[in-house]
mmCIF file of all heavy atoms, coordinates in Angstrom:
data_MODEL
# 
_entry.id   MODEL 
# 
loop_
_atom_site.group_PDB 
_atom_site.id 
_atom_site.type_symbol 
_atom_site.label_atom_id 
_atom_site.label_alt_id 
_atom_site.label_comp_id 
_atom_site.label_asym_id 
_atom_site.label_entity_id 
_atom_site.label_seq_id 
_atom_site.pdbx_PDB_ins_code 
_atom_site.Cartn_x 
_atom_site.Cartn_y 
_atom_site.Cartn_z 
_atom_site.occupancy 
_atom_site.B_iso_or_equiv 
_atom_site.pdbx_formal_charge 
_atom_site.auth_seq_id 
_atom_site.auth_comp_id 
_atom_site.auth_asym_id 
_atom_site.auth_atom_id 
_atom_site.pdbx_PDB_model_num 
ATOM 1   N N   . SER A 1 1  ? -32.334 19.651 13.170 1.00 0.00 ? 1  SER A N   1 
ATOM 2   C CA  . SER A 1 1  ? -31.808 20.656 12.255 1.00 0.00 ? 1  SER A CA  1 
ATOM 3   C C   . SER A 1 1  ? -32.222 22.048 12.729 1.00 0.00 ? 1  SER A C   1 
ATOM 4   O O   . SER A 1 1  ? -33.417 22.356 12.767 1.00 0.00 ? 1  SER A O   1 
ATOM 5   C CB  . SER A 1 1  ? -32.346 20.415 10.835 1.00 0.00 ? 1  SER A CB  1 
ATOM 6   O OG  . SER A 1 1  ? -32.134 21.535 10.007 1.00 0.00 ? 1  SER A OG  1 
ATOM 7   N N   . VAL A 1 2  ? -31.255 22.877 13.067 1.00 0.00 ? 2  VAL A N   1 
ATOM 8   C CA  . VAL A 1 2  ? -31.549 24.255 13.462 1.00 0.00 ? 2  VAL A CA  1 
ATOM 9   C C   . VAL A 1 2  ? -32.224 24.976 12.299 1.00 0.00 ? 2  VAL A C   1 
ATOM 10  O O   . VAL A 1 2  ? -33.177 25.730 12.493 1.00 0.00 ? 2  VAL A O   1 
ATOM 11  C CB  . VAL A 1 2  ? -30.263 24.987 13.912 1.00 0.00 ? 2  VAL A CB  1 
ATOM 12  C CG1 . VAL A 1 2  ? -30.500 26.482 14.030 1.00 0.00 ? 2  VAL A CG1 1 
ATOM 13  C CG2 . VAL A 1 2  ? -29.754 24.415 15.230 1.00 0.00 ? 2  VAL A CG2 1 
ATOM 14  N N   . GLU A 1 3  ? -31.761 24.718 11.098 1.00 0.00 ? 3  GLU A N   1 
ATOM 15  C CA  . GLU A 1 3  ? -32.348 25.367 9.919  1.00 0.00 ? 3  GLU A CA  1 
ATOM 16  C C   . GLU A 1 3  ? -33.829 25.021 9.794  1.00 0.00 ? 3  GLU A C   1 
ATOM 17  O O   . GLU A 1 3  ? -34.673 25.894 9.585  1.00 0.00 ? 3  GLU A O   1 
ATOM 18  C CB  . GLU A 1 3  ? -31.592 24.945 8.657  1.00 0.00 ? 3  GLU A CB  1 
ATOM 19  C CG  . GLU A 1 3  ? -32.108 25.608 7.403  1.00 0.00 ? 3  GLU A CG  1 
ATOM 20  C CD  . GLU A 1 3  ? -31.325 25.182 6.160  1.00 0.00 ? 3  GLU A CD  1 
ATOM 21  O OE1 . GLU A 1 3  ? -30.173 24.726 6.288  1.00 0.00 ? 3  GLU A OE1 1 
ATOM 22  O OE2 . GLU A 1 3  ? -31.891 25.302 5.068  1.00 0.00 ? 3  GLU A OE2 1 
ATOM 23  N N   . TYR A 1 4  ? -34.170 23.739 9.941  1.00 0.00 ? 4  TYR A N   1 
ATOM 24  C CA  . TYR A 1 4  ? -35.563 23.316 9.830  1.00 0.00 ? 4  TYR A CA  1 
ATOM 25  C C   . TYR A 1 4  ? -36.399 23.861 10.991 1.00 0.00 ? 4  TYR A C   1 
ATOM 26  O O   . TYR A 1 4  ? -37.511 24.363 10.790 1.00 0.00 ? 4  TYR A O   1 
ATOM 27  C CB  . TYR A 1 4  ? -35.664 21.788 9.781  1.00 0.00 ? 4  TYR A CB  1 
ATOM 28  C CG  . TYR A 1 4  ? -37.084 21.300 9.697  1.00 0.00 ? 4  TYR A CG  1 
ATOM 29  C CD1 . TYR A 1 4  ? -37.800 21.401 8.510  1.00 0.00 ? 4  TYR A CD1 1 
ATOM 30  C CD2 . TYR A 1 4  ? -37.726 20.772 10.811 1.00 0.00 ? 4  TYR A CD2 1 
ATOM 31  C CE1 . TYR A 1 4  ? -39.114 20.979 8.427  1.00 0.00 ? 4  TYR A CE1 1 
ATOM 32  C CE2 . TYR A 1 4  ? -39.050 20.347 10.747 1.00 0.00 ? 4  TYR A CE2 1 
ATOM 33  C CZ  . TYR A 1 4  ? -39.733 20.453 9.554  1.00 0.00 ? 4  TYR A CZ  1 
ATOM 34  O OH  . TYR A 1 4  ? -41.034 20.037 9.483  1.00 0.00 ? 4  TYR A OH  1 
ATOM 35  N N   . ALA A 1 5  ? -35.882 23.775 12.207 1.00 0.00 ? 5  ALA A N   1 
ATOM 36  C CA  . ALA A 1 5  ? -36.615 24.280 13.375 1.00 0.00 ? 5  ALA A CA  1 
ATOM 37  C C   . ALA A 1 5  ? -36.891 25.772 13.229 1.00 0.00 ? 5  ALA A C   1 
ATOM 38  O O   . ALA A 1 5  ? -37.991 26.244 13.530 1.00 0.00 ? 5  ALA A O   1 
ATOM 39  C CB  . ALA A 1 5  ? -35.837 23.995 14.653 1.00 0.00 ? 5  ALA A CB  1 
ATOM 40  N N   . SER A 1 6  ? -35.916 26.517 12.736 1.00 0.00 ? 6  SER A N   1 
ATOM 41  C CA  . SER A 1 6  ? -36.091 27.954 12.524 1.00 0.00 ? 6  SER A CA  1 
ATOM 42  C C   . SER A 1 6  ? -37.136 28.220 11.451 1.00 0.00 ? 6  SER A C   1 
ATOM 43  O O   . SER A 1 6  ? -37.973 29.114 11.597 1.00 0.00 ? 6  SER A O   1 
ATOM 44  C CB  . SER A 1 6  ? -34.764 28.601 12.130 1.00 0.00 ? 6  SER A CB  1 
ATOM 45  O OG  . SER A 1 6  ? -33.834 28.496 13.167 1.00 0.00 ? 6  SER A OG  1 
ATOM 46  N N   . LYS A 1 7  ? -37.110 27.437 10.385 1.00 0.00 ? 7  LYS A N   1 
ATOM 47  C CA  . LYS A 1 7  ? -38.071 27.605 9.283  1.00 0.00 ? 7  LYS A CA  1 
ATOM 48  C C   . LYS A 1 7  ? -39.493 27.358 9.767  1.00 0.00 ? 7  LYS A C   1 
ATOM 49  O O   . LYS A 1 7  ? -40.398 28.149 9.487  1.00 0.00 ? 7  LYS A O   1 
ATOM 50  C CB  . LYS A 1 7  ? -37.726 26.651 8.138  1.00 0.00 ? 7  LYS A CB  1 
ATOM 51  C CG  . LYS A 1 7  ? -38.658 26.707 6.960  1.00 0.00 ? 7  LYS A CG  1 
ATOM 52  C CD  . LYS A 1 7  ? -38.254 25.684 5.891  1.00 0.00 ? 7  LYS A CD  1 
ATOM 53  C CE  . LYS A 1 7  ? -39.064 25.747 4.633  1.00 0.00 ? 7  LYS A CE  1 
ATOM 54  N NZ  . LYS A 1 7  ? -40.498 25.584 4.802  1.00 0.00 ? 7  LYS A NZ  1 
ATOM 55  N N   . VAL A 1 8  ? -39.696 26.275 10.482 1.00 0.00 ? 8  VAL A N   1 
ATOM 56  C CA  . VAL A 1 8  ? -41.034 25.961 10.989 1.00 0.00 ? 8  VAL A CA  1 
ATOM 57  C C   . VAL A 1 8  ? -41.530 27.086 11.888 1.00 0.00 ? 8  VAL A C   1 
ATOM 58  O O   . VAL A 1 8  ? -42.669 27.561 11.747 1.00 0.00 ? 8  VAL A O   1 
ATOM 59  C CB  . VAL A 1 8  ? -41.043 24.609 11.742 1.00 0.00 ? 8  VAL A CB  1 
ATOM 60  C CG1 . VAL A 1 8  ? -42.355 24.410 12.497 1.00 0.00 ? 8  VAL A CG1 1 
ATOM 61  C CG2 . VAL A 1 8  ? -40.795 23.458 10.785 1.00 0.00 ? 8  VAL A CG2 1 
ATOM 62  N N   . GLN A 1 9  ? -40.689 27.555 12.795 1.00 0.00 ? 9  GLN A N   1 
ATOM 63  C CA  . GLN A 1 9  ? -41.100 28.628 13.701 1.00 0.00 ? 9  GLN A CA  1 
ATOM 64  C C   . GLN A 1 9  ? -41.358 29.936 12.956 1.00 0.00 ? 9  GLN A C   1 
ATOM 65  O O   . GLN A 1 9  ? -42.334 30.639 13.241 1.00 0.00 ? 9  GLN A O   1 
ATOM 66  C CB  . GLN A 1 9  ? -40.035 28.846 14.777 1.00 0.00 ? 9  GLN A CB  1 
ATOM 67  C CG  . GLN A 1 9  ? -39.934 27.668 15.737 1.00 0.00 ? 9  GLN A CG  1 
ATOM 68  C CD  . GLN A 1 9  ? -38.848 27.881 16.747 1.00 0.00 ? 9  GLN A CD  1 
ATOM 69  O OE1 . GLN A 1 9  ? -39.091 28.498 17.782 1.00 0.00 ? 9  GLN A OE1 1 
ATOM 70  N NE2 . GLN A 1 9  ? -37.648 27.393 16.448 1.00 0.00 ? 9  GLN A NE2 1 
ATOM 71  N N   . ARG A 1 10 ? -40.523 30.248 11.996 1.00 0.00 ? 10 ARG A N   1 
ATOM 72  C CA  . ARG A 1 10 ? -40.666 31.489 11.226 1.00 0.00 ? 10 ARG A CA  1 
ATOM 73  C C   . ARG A 1 10 ? -41.973 31.509 10.437 1.00 0.00 ? 10 ARG A C   1 
ATOM 74  O O   . ARG A 1 10 ? -42.623 32.541 10.309 1.00 0.00 ? 10 ARG A O   1 
ATOM 75  C CB  . ARG A 1 10 ? -39.463 31.652 10.294 1.00 0.00 ? 10 ARG A CB  1 
ATOM 76  C CG  . ARG A 1 10 ? -39.484 32.890 9.425  1.00 0.00 ? 10 ARG A CG  1 
ATOM 77  C CD  . ARG A 1 10 ? -38.232 33.022 8.560  1.00 0.00 ? 10 ARG A CD  1 
ATOM 78  N NE  . ARG A 1 10 ? -38.043 31.909 7.651  1.00 0.00 ? 10 ARG A NE  1 
ATOM 79  C CZ  . ARG A 1 10 ? -37.095 30.978 7.757  1.00 0.00 ? 10 ARG A CZ  1 
ATOM 80  N NH1 . ARG A 1 10 ? -36.224 31.032 8.737  1.00 0.00 ? 10 ARG A NH1 1 
ATOM 81  N NH2 . ARG A 1 10 ? -36.988 30.012 6.880  1.00 0.00 ? 10 ARG A NH2 1 
ATOM 82  N N   . GLU A 1 11 ? -42.393 30.354 9.928  1.00 0.00 ? 11 GLU A N   1 
ATOM 83  C CA  . GLU A 1 11 ? -43.584 30.279 9.081  1.00 0.00 ? 11 GLU A CA  1 
ATOM 84  C C   . GLU A 1 11 ? -44.855 29.935 9.856  1.00 0.00 ? 11 GLU A C   1 
ATOM 85  O O   . GLU A 1 11 ? -45.937 29.869 9.276  1.00 0.00 ? 11 GLU A O   1 
ATOM 86  C CB  . GLU A 1 11 ? -43.355 29.236 7.985  1.00 0.00 ? 11 GLU A CB  1 
ATOM 87  C CG  . GLU A 1 11 ? -42.226 29.620 7.048  1.00 0.00 ? 11 GLU A CG  1 
ATOM 88  C CD  . GLU A 1 11 ? -41.871 28.530 6.045  1.00 0.00 ? 11 GLU A CD  1 
ATOM 89  O OE1 . GLU A 1 11 ? -42.441 27.415 6.121  1.00 0.00 ? 11 GLU A OE1 1 
ATOM 90  O OE2 . GLU A 1 11 ? -41.021 28.808 5.173  1.00 0.00 ? 11 GLU A OE2 1 
ATOM 91  N N   . SER A 1 12 ? -44.754 29.729 11.150 1.00 0.00 ? 12 SER A N   1 
ATOM 92  C CA  . SER A 1 12 ? -45.871 29.248 11.964 1.00 0.00 ? 12 SER A CA  1 
ATOM 93  C C   . SER A 1 12 ? -46.804 30.364 12.427 1.00 0.00 ? 12 SER A C   1 
ATOM 94  O O   . SER A 1 12 ? -46.368 31.336 13.052 1.00 0.00 ? 12 SER A O   1 
ATOM 95  C CB  . SER A 1 12 ? -45.332 28.508 13.190 1.00 0.00 ? 12 SER A CB  1 
ATOM 96  O OG  . SER A 1 12 ? -46.372 28.229 14.087 1.00 0.00 ? 12 SER A OG  1 
ATOM 97  N N   . GLU A 1 13 ? -48.095 30.187 12.176 1.00 0.00 ? 13 GLU A N   1 
ATOM 98  C CA  . GLU A 1 13 ? -49.095 31.118 12.690 1.00 0.00 ? 13 GLU A CA  1 
ATOM 99  C C   . GLU A 1 13 ? -49.200 31.011 14.213 1.00 0.00 ? 13 GLU A C   1 
ATOM 100 O O   . GLU A 1 13 ? -49.425 32.014 14.892 1.00 0.00 ? 13 GLU A O   1 
ATOM 101 C CB  . GLU A 1 13 ? -50.456 30.841 12.054 1.00 0.00 ? 13 GLU A CB  1 
ATOM 102 C CG  . GLU A 1 13 ? -50.511 31.194 10.589 1.00 0.00 ? 13 GLU A CG  1 
ATOM 103 C CD  . GLU A 1 13 ? -51.869 30.902 9.972  1.00 0.00 ? 13 GLU A CD  1 
ATOM 104 O OE1 . GLU A 1 13 ? -52.874 30.801 10.704 1.00 0.00 ? 13 GLU A OE1 1 
ATOM 105 O OE2 . GLU A 1 13 ? -51.917 30.780 8.735  1.00 0.00 ? 13 GLU A OE2 1 
ATOM 106 N N   . ILE A 1 14 ? -49.030 29.804 14.739 1.00 0.00 ? 14 ILE A N   1 
ATOM 107 C CA  . ILE A 1 14 ? -49.096 29.595 16.193 1.00 0.00 ? 14 ILE A CA  1 
ATOM 108 C C   . ILE A 1 14 ? -47.948 30.325 16.884 1.00 0.00 ? 14 ILE A C   1 
ATOM 109 O O   . ILE A 1 14 ? -48.142 30.992 17.902 1.00 0.00 ? 14 ILE A O   1 
ATOM 110 C CB  . ILE A 1 14 ? -49.057 28.089 16.550 1.00 0.00 ? 14 ILE A CB  1 
ATOM 111 C CG1 . ILE A 1 14 ? -50.271 27.371 15.987 1.00 0.00 ? 14 ILE A CG1 1 
ATOM 112 C CG2 . ILE A 1 14 ? -48.930 27.875 18.061 1.00 0.00 ? 14 ILE A CG2 1 
ATOM 113 C CD1 . ILE A 1 14 ? -51.602 27.827 16.536 1.00 0.00 ? 14 ILE A CD1 1 
ATOM 114 N N   . VAL A 1 15 ? -46.745 30.210 16.332 1.00 0.00 ? 15 VAL A N   1 
ATOM 115 C CA  . VAL A 1 15 ? -45.588 30.904 16.924 1.00 0.00 ? 15 VAL A CA  1 
ATOM 116 C C   . VAL A 1 15 ? -45.779 32.414 16.831 1.00 0.00 ? 15 VAL A C   1 
ATOM 117 O O   . VAL A 1 15 ? -45.484 33.138 17.783 1.00 0.00 ? 15 VAL A O   1 
ATOM 118 C CB  . VAL A 1 15 ? -44.269 30.446 16.274 1.00 0.00 ? 15 VAL A CB  1 
ATOM 119 C CG1 . VAL A 1 15 ? -43.094 31.289 16.751 1.00 0.00 ? 15 VAL A CG1 1 
ATOM 120 C CG2 . VAL A 1 15 ? -44.013 28.972 16.571 1.00 0.00 ? 15 VAL A CG2 1 
ATOM 121 N N   . ALA A 1 16 ? -46.313 32.904 15.715 1.00 0.00 ? 16 ALA A N   1 
ATOM 122 C CA  . ALA A 1 16 ? -46.578 34.339 15.582 1.00 0.00 ? 16 ALA A CA  1 
ATOM 123 C C   . ALA A 1 16 ? -47.597 34.797 16.629 1.00 0.00 ? 16 ALA A C   1 
ATOM 124 O O   . ALA A 1 16 ? -47.448 35.875 17.232 1.00 0.00 ? 16 ALA A O   1 
ATOM 125 C CB  . ALA A 1 16 ? -47.081 34.659 14.176 1.00 0.00 ? 16 ALA A CB  1 
ATOM 126 N N   . LYS A 1 17 ? -48.602 33.969 16.870 1.00 0.00 ? 17 LYS A N   1 
ATOM 127 C CA  . LYS A 1 17 ? -49.608 34.276 17.892 1.00 0.00 ? 17 LYS A CA  1 
ATOM 128 C C   . LYS A 1 17 ? -48.972 34.293 19.289 1.00 0.00 ? 17 LYS A C   1 
ATOM 129 O O   . LYS A 1 17 ? -49.252 35.176 20.100 1.00 0.00 ? 17 LYS A O   1 
ATOM 130 C CB  . LYS A 1 17 ? -50.725 33.237 17.810 1.00 0.00 ? 17 LYS A CB  1 
ATOM 131 C CG  . LYS A 1 17 ? -51.883 33.497 18.719 1.00 0.00 ? 17 LYS A CG  1 
ATOM 132 C CD  . LYS A 1 17 ? -52.955 32.422 18.497 1.00 0.00 ? 17 LYS A CD  1 
ATOM 133 C CE  . LYS A 1 17 ? -54.058 32.518 19.534 1.00 0.00 ? 17 LYS A CE  1 
ATOM 134 N NZ  . LYS A 1 17 ? -55.057 31.459 19.376 1.00 0.00 ? 17 LYS A NZ  1 
ATOM 135 N N   . TRP A 1 18 ? -48.093 33.319 19.557 1.00 0.00 ? 18 TRP A N   1 
ATOM 136 C CA  . TRP A 1 18 ? -47.384 33.273 20.846 1.00 0.00 ? 18 TRP A CA  1 
ATOM 137 C C   . TRP A 1 18 ? -46.501 34.508 21.013 1.00 0.00 ? 18 TRP A C   1 
ATOM 138 O O   . TRP A 1 18 ? -46.478 35.116 22.078 1.00 0.00 ? 18 TRP A O   1 
ATOM 139 C CB  . TRP A 1 18 ? -46.553 31.991 20.959 1.00 0.00 ? 18 TRP A CB  1 
ATOM 140 C CG  . TRP A 1 18 ? -45.792 31.902 22.245 1.00 0.00 ? 18 TRP A CG  1 
ATOM 141 C CD1 . TRP A 1 18 ? -44.478 32.216 22.449 1.00 0.00 ? 18 TRP A CD1 1 
ATOM 142 C CD2 . TRP A 1 18 ? -46.301 31.510 23.522 1.00 0.00 ? 18 TRP A CD2 1 
ATOM 143 N NE1 . TRP A 1 18 ? -44.135 32.029 23.766 1.00 0.00 ? 18 TRP A NE1 1 
ATOM 144 C CE2 . TRP A 1 18 ? -45.249 31.591 24.448 1.00 0.00 ? 18 TRP A CE2 1 
ATOM 145 C CE3 . TRP A 1 18 ? -47.547 31.079 23.967 1.00 0.00 ? 18 TRP A CE3 1 
ATOM 146 C CZ2 . TRP A 1 18 ? -45.391 31.264 25.794 1.00 0.00 ? 18 TRP A CZ2 1 
ATOM 147 C CZ3 . TRP A 1 18 ? -47.684 30.760 25.313 1.00 0.00 ? 18 TRP A CZ3 1 
ATOM 148 C CH2 . TRP A 1 18 ? -46.619 30.852 26.199 1.00 0.00 ? 18 TRP A CH2 1 
ATOM 149 N N   . ASP A 1 19 ? -45.763 34.865 19.970 1.00 0.00 ? 19 ASP A N   1 
ATOM 150 C CA  . ASP A 1 19 ? -44.893 36.042 20.036 1.00 0.00 ? 19 ASP A CA  1 
ATOM 151 C C   . ASP A 1 19 ? -45.702 37.300 20.350 1.00 0.00 ? 19 ASP A C   1 
ATOM 152 O O   . ASP A 1 19 ? -45.270 38.130 21.153 1.00 0.00 ? 19 ASP A O   1 
ATOM 153 C CB  . ASP A 1 19 ? -44.118 36.222 18.727 1.00 0.00 ? 19 ASP A CB  1 
ATOM 154 C CG  . ASP A 1 19 ? -43.033 35.185 18.538 1.00 0.00 ? 19 ASP A CG  1 
ATOM 155 O OD1 . ASP A 1 19 ? -42.706 34.453 19.495 1.00 0.00 ? 19 ASP A OD1 1 
ATOM 156 O OD2 . ASP A 1 19 ? -42.505 35.096 17.401 1.00 0.00 ? 19 ASP A OD2 1 
ATOM 157 N N   . ALA A 1 20 ? -46.876 37.428 19.730 1.00 0.00 ? 20 ALA A N   1 
ATOM 158 C CA  . ALA A 1 20 ? -47.735 38.583 19.997 1.00 0.00 ? 20 ALA A CA  1 
ATOM 159 C C   . ALA A 1 20 ? -48.226 38.564 21.447 1.00 0.00 ? 20 ALA A C   1 
ATOM 160 O O   . ALA A 1 20 ? -48.289 39.610 22.108 1.00 0.00 ? 20 ALA A O   1 
ATOM 161 C CB  . ALA A 1 20 ? -48.917 38.595 19.026 1.00 0.00 ? 20 ALA A CB  1 
ATOM 162 N N   . TYR A 1 21 ? -48.550 37.376 21.940 1.00 0.00 ? 21 TYR A N   1 
ATOM 163 C CA  . TYR A 1 21 ? -49.004 37.203 23.319 1.00 0.00 ? 21 TYR A CA  1 
ATOM 164 C C   . TYR A 1 21 ? -47.917 37.584 24.320 1.00 0.00 ? 21 TYR A C   1 
ATOM 165 O O   . TYR A 1 21 ? -48.198 38.146 25.384 1.00 0.00 ? 21 TYR A O   1 
ATOM 166 C CB  . TYR A 1 21 ? -49.426 35.742 23.501 1.00 0.00 ? 21 TYR A CB  1 
ATOM 167 C CG  . TYR A 1 21 ? -49.830 35.307 24.880 1.00 0.00 ? 21 TYR A CG  1 
ATOM 168 C CD1 . TYR A 1 21 ? -50.854 35.936 25.579 1.00 0.00 ? 21 TYR A CD1 1 
ATOM 169 C CD2 . TYR A 1 21 ? -49.193 34.227 25.485 1.00 0.00 ? 21 TYR A CD2 1 
ATOM 170 C CE1 . TYR A 1 21 ? -51.233 35.496 26.845 1.00 0.00 ? 21 TYR A CE1 1 
ATOM 171 C CE2 . TYR A 1 21 ? -49.569 33.778 26.747 1.00 0.00 ? 21 TYR A CE2 1 
ATOM 172 C CZ  . TYR A 1 21 ? -50.590 34.425 27.417 1.00 0.00 ? 21 TYR A CZ  1 
ATOM 173 O OH  . TYR A 1 21 ? -50.959 33.973 28.665 1.00 0.00 ? 21 TYR A OH  1 
ATOM 174 N N   . MET A 1 22 ? -46.665 37.312 23.993 1.00 0.00 ? 22 MET A N   1 
ATOM 175 C CA  . MET A 1 22 ? -45.544 37.578 24.900 1.00 0.00 ? 22 MET A CA  1 
ATOM 176 C C   . MET A 1 22 ? -44.973 38.995 24.756 1.00 0.00 ? 22 MET A C   1 
ATOM 177 O O   . MET A 1 22 ? -44.178 39.427 25.586 1.00 0.00 ? 22 MET A O   1 
ATOM 178 C CB  . MET A 1 22 ? -44.431 36.560 24.651 1.00 0.00 ? 22 MET A CB  1 
ATOM 179 C CG  . MET A 1 22 ? -44.829 35.124 24.935 1.00 0.00 ? 22 MET A CG  1 
ATOM 180 S SD  . MET A 1 22 ? -45.341 34.849 26.638 1.00 0.00 ? 22 MET A SD  1 
ATOM 181 C CE  . MET A 1 22 ? -43.763 35.021 27.469 1.00 0.00 ? 22 MET A CE  1 
ATOM 182 N N   . LYS A 1 23 ? -45.377 39.705 23.724 1.00 0.00 ? 23 LYS A N   1 
ATOM 183 C CA  . LYS A 1 23 ? -44.770 40.995 23.395 1.00 0.00 ? 23 LYS A CA  1 
ATOM 184 C C   . LYS A 1 23 ? -44.839 42.020 24.527 1.00 0.00 ? 23 LYS A C   1 
ATOM 185 O O   . LYS A 1 23 ? -43.937 42.842 24.675 1.00 0.00 ? 23 LYS A O   1 
ATOM 186 C CB  . LYS A 1 23 ? -45.429 41.561 22.142 1.00 0.00 ? 23 LYS A CB  1 
ATOM 187 C CG  . LYS A 1 23 ? -44.718 42.750 21.564 1.00 0.00 ? 23 LYS A CG  1 
ATOM 188 C CD  . LYS A 1 23 ? -45.343 43.165 20.251 1.00 0.00 ? 23 LYS A CD  1 
ATOM 189 C CE  . LYS A 1 23 ? -44.536 44.300 19.660 1.00 0.00 ? 23 LYS A CE  1 
ATOM 190 N NZ  . LYS A 1 23 ? -45.006 44.664 18.329 1.00 0.00 ? 23 LYS A NZ  1 
ATOM 191 N N   . ASP A 1 24 ? -45.871 41.944 25.361 1.00 0.00 ? 24 ASP A N   1 
ATOM 192 C CA  . ASP A 1 24 ? -46.011 42.943 26.420 1.00 0.00 ? 24 ASP A CA  1 
ATOM 193 C C   . ASP A 1 24 ? -45.030 42.739 27.577 1.00 0.00 ? 24 ASP A C   1 
ATOM 194 O O   . ASP A 1 24 ? -44.836 43.647 28.387 1.00 0.00 ? 24 ASP A O   1 
ATOM 195 C CB  . ASP A 1 24 ? -47.449 42.986 26.939 1.00 0.00 ? 24 ASP A CB  1 
ATOM 196 C CG  . ASP A 1 24 ? -47.881 41.696 27.622 1.00 0.00 ? 24 ASP A CG  1 
ATOM 197 O OD1 . ASP A 1 24 ? -47.512 40.608 27.132 1.00 0.00 ? 24 ASP A OD1 1 
ATOM 198 O OD2 . ASP A 1 24 ? -48.602 41.780 28.640 1.00 0.00 ? 24 ASP A OD2 1 
ATOM 199 N N   . ILE A 1 25 ? -44.389 41.566 27.650 1.00 0.00 ? 25 ILE A N   1 
ATOM 200 C CA  . ILE A 1 25 ? -43.453 41.319 28.754 1.00 0.00 ? 25 ILE A CA  1 
ATOM 201 C C   . ILE A 1 25 ? -42.052 40.933 28.288 1.00 0.00 ? 25 ILE A C   1 
ATOM 202 O O   . ILE A 1 25 ? -41.127 40.914 29.082 1.00 0.00 ? 25 ILE A O   1 
ATOM 203 C CB  . ILE A 1 25 ? -43.982 40.236 29.722 1.00 0.00 ? 25 ILE A CB  1 
ATOM 204 C CG1 . ILE A 1 25 ? -44.165 38.891 29.034 1.00 0.00 ? 25 ILE A CG1 1 
ATOM 205 C CG2 . ILE A 1 25 ? -45.276 40.690 30.386 1.00 0.00 ? 25 ILE A CG2 1 
ATOM 206 C CD1 . ILE A 1 25 ? -44.517 37.748 29.985 1.00 0.00 ? 25 ILE A CD1 1 
ATOM 207 N N   . LEU A 1 26 ? -41.894 40.618 27.019 1.00 0.00 ? 26 LEU A N   1 
ATOM 208 C CA  . LEU A 1 26 ? -40.627 40.105 26.506 1.00 0.00 ? 26 LEU A CA  1 
ATOM 209 C C   . LEU A 1 26 ? -39.940 41.116 25.600 1.00 0.00 ? 26 LEU A C   1 
ATOM 210 O O   . LEU A 1 26 ? -40.579 41.734 24.750 1.00 0.00 ? 26 LEU A O   1 
ATOM 211 C CB  . LEU A 1 26 ? -40.890 38.807 25.730 1.00 0.00 ? 26 LEU A CB  1 
ATOM 212 C CG  . LEU A 1 26 ? -39.699 38.034 25.201 1.00 0.00 ? 26 LEU A CG  1 
ATOM 213 C CD1 . LEU A 1 26 ? -38.803 37.563 26.345 1.00 0.00 ? 26 LEU A CD1 1 
ATOM 214 C CD2 . LEU A 1 26 ? -40.175 36.845 24.397 1.00 0.00 ? 26 LEU A CD2 1 
ATOM 215 N N   . ILE A 1 27 ? -38.642 41.261 25.791 1.00 0.00 ? 27 ILE A N   1 
ATOM 216 C CA  . ILE A 1 27 ? -37.814 42.093 24.913 1.00 0.00 ? 27 ILE A CA  1 
ATOM 217 C C   . ILE A 1 27 ? -36.916 41.110 24.173 1.00 0.00 ? 27 ILE A C   1 
ATOM 218 O O   . ILE A 1 27 ? -35.918 40.642 24.724 1.00 0.00 ? 27 ILE A O   1 
ATOM 219 C CB  . ILE A 1 27 ? -36.962 43.086 25.729 1.00 0.00 ? 27 ILE A CB  1 
ATOM 220 C CG1 . ILE A 1 27 ? -37.847 43.948 26.624 1.00 0.00 ? 27 ILE A CG1 1 
ATOM 221 C CG2 . ILE A 1 27 ? -36.108 43.941 24.798 1.00 0.00 ? 27 ILE A CG2 1 
ATOM 222 C CD1 . ILE A 1 27 ? -37.083 44.690 27.712 1.00 0.00 ? 27 ILE A CD1 1 
# 
């Protein structure tokens, strides 16, 4: 389910941490 996968990622502290880690190289 794209809806479920998106929800898990949106609410995830781990994904937020990964996004912050990638922010310096990713647009």
